[in-house]
Amino acid sequence: MRTIDAVNTINRMVFRPGWEFKARPMVREGYIEIVSHIETQDTRKEYAPEYRKVFTATGIDEMRVDDLEDKDSLYFRVLTELIPRINMHEDREFLRDPDTLEAPFHPHKFGGIMGWLERSAEADPAAFVGAMLGV
């Protein structure tokens, strides 16, 4: 798939209410950058466990597209790679210990990051090494 076609497809894609994606070509040939804005709840400890404060989270991902054949291939990659990464990130913020309301795997806190990395390495060492190397 041509990069410009992937960018145009992502920029016109319809997804969940409150979710918006904007893509643009990257300098690295065959790759696009995708900026996501998702409407969610503020996951700070003081808002747990109800999380009543609405919040728009922004994330940036990159995706290889020059190995894709068509729009359906692009949509499949969005659903199987991009969306699970976003959901996992959000889930790690929302999950709280009921006694302390601490998030044991919070992706923005050192302890949460290290705990996640340790368990990821234990669960699948090869995938962990690949992720650390960016492959």
Foldseek 3Di string as FASTA:
>chain_A
DAPVVLQVCQQPDDDDPQKHWHWDPDPPGQKIKIKIWHWDADLDLVCPPVRPHIDIDIDIDMDGHPPDDDDVSSVVCCVPPVVVVVVVQVVLSNDADPVPRDRCLHPVDPRNVVVVLVVVCVVPVVVSVCVVVVD
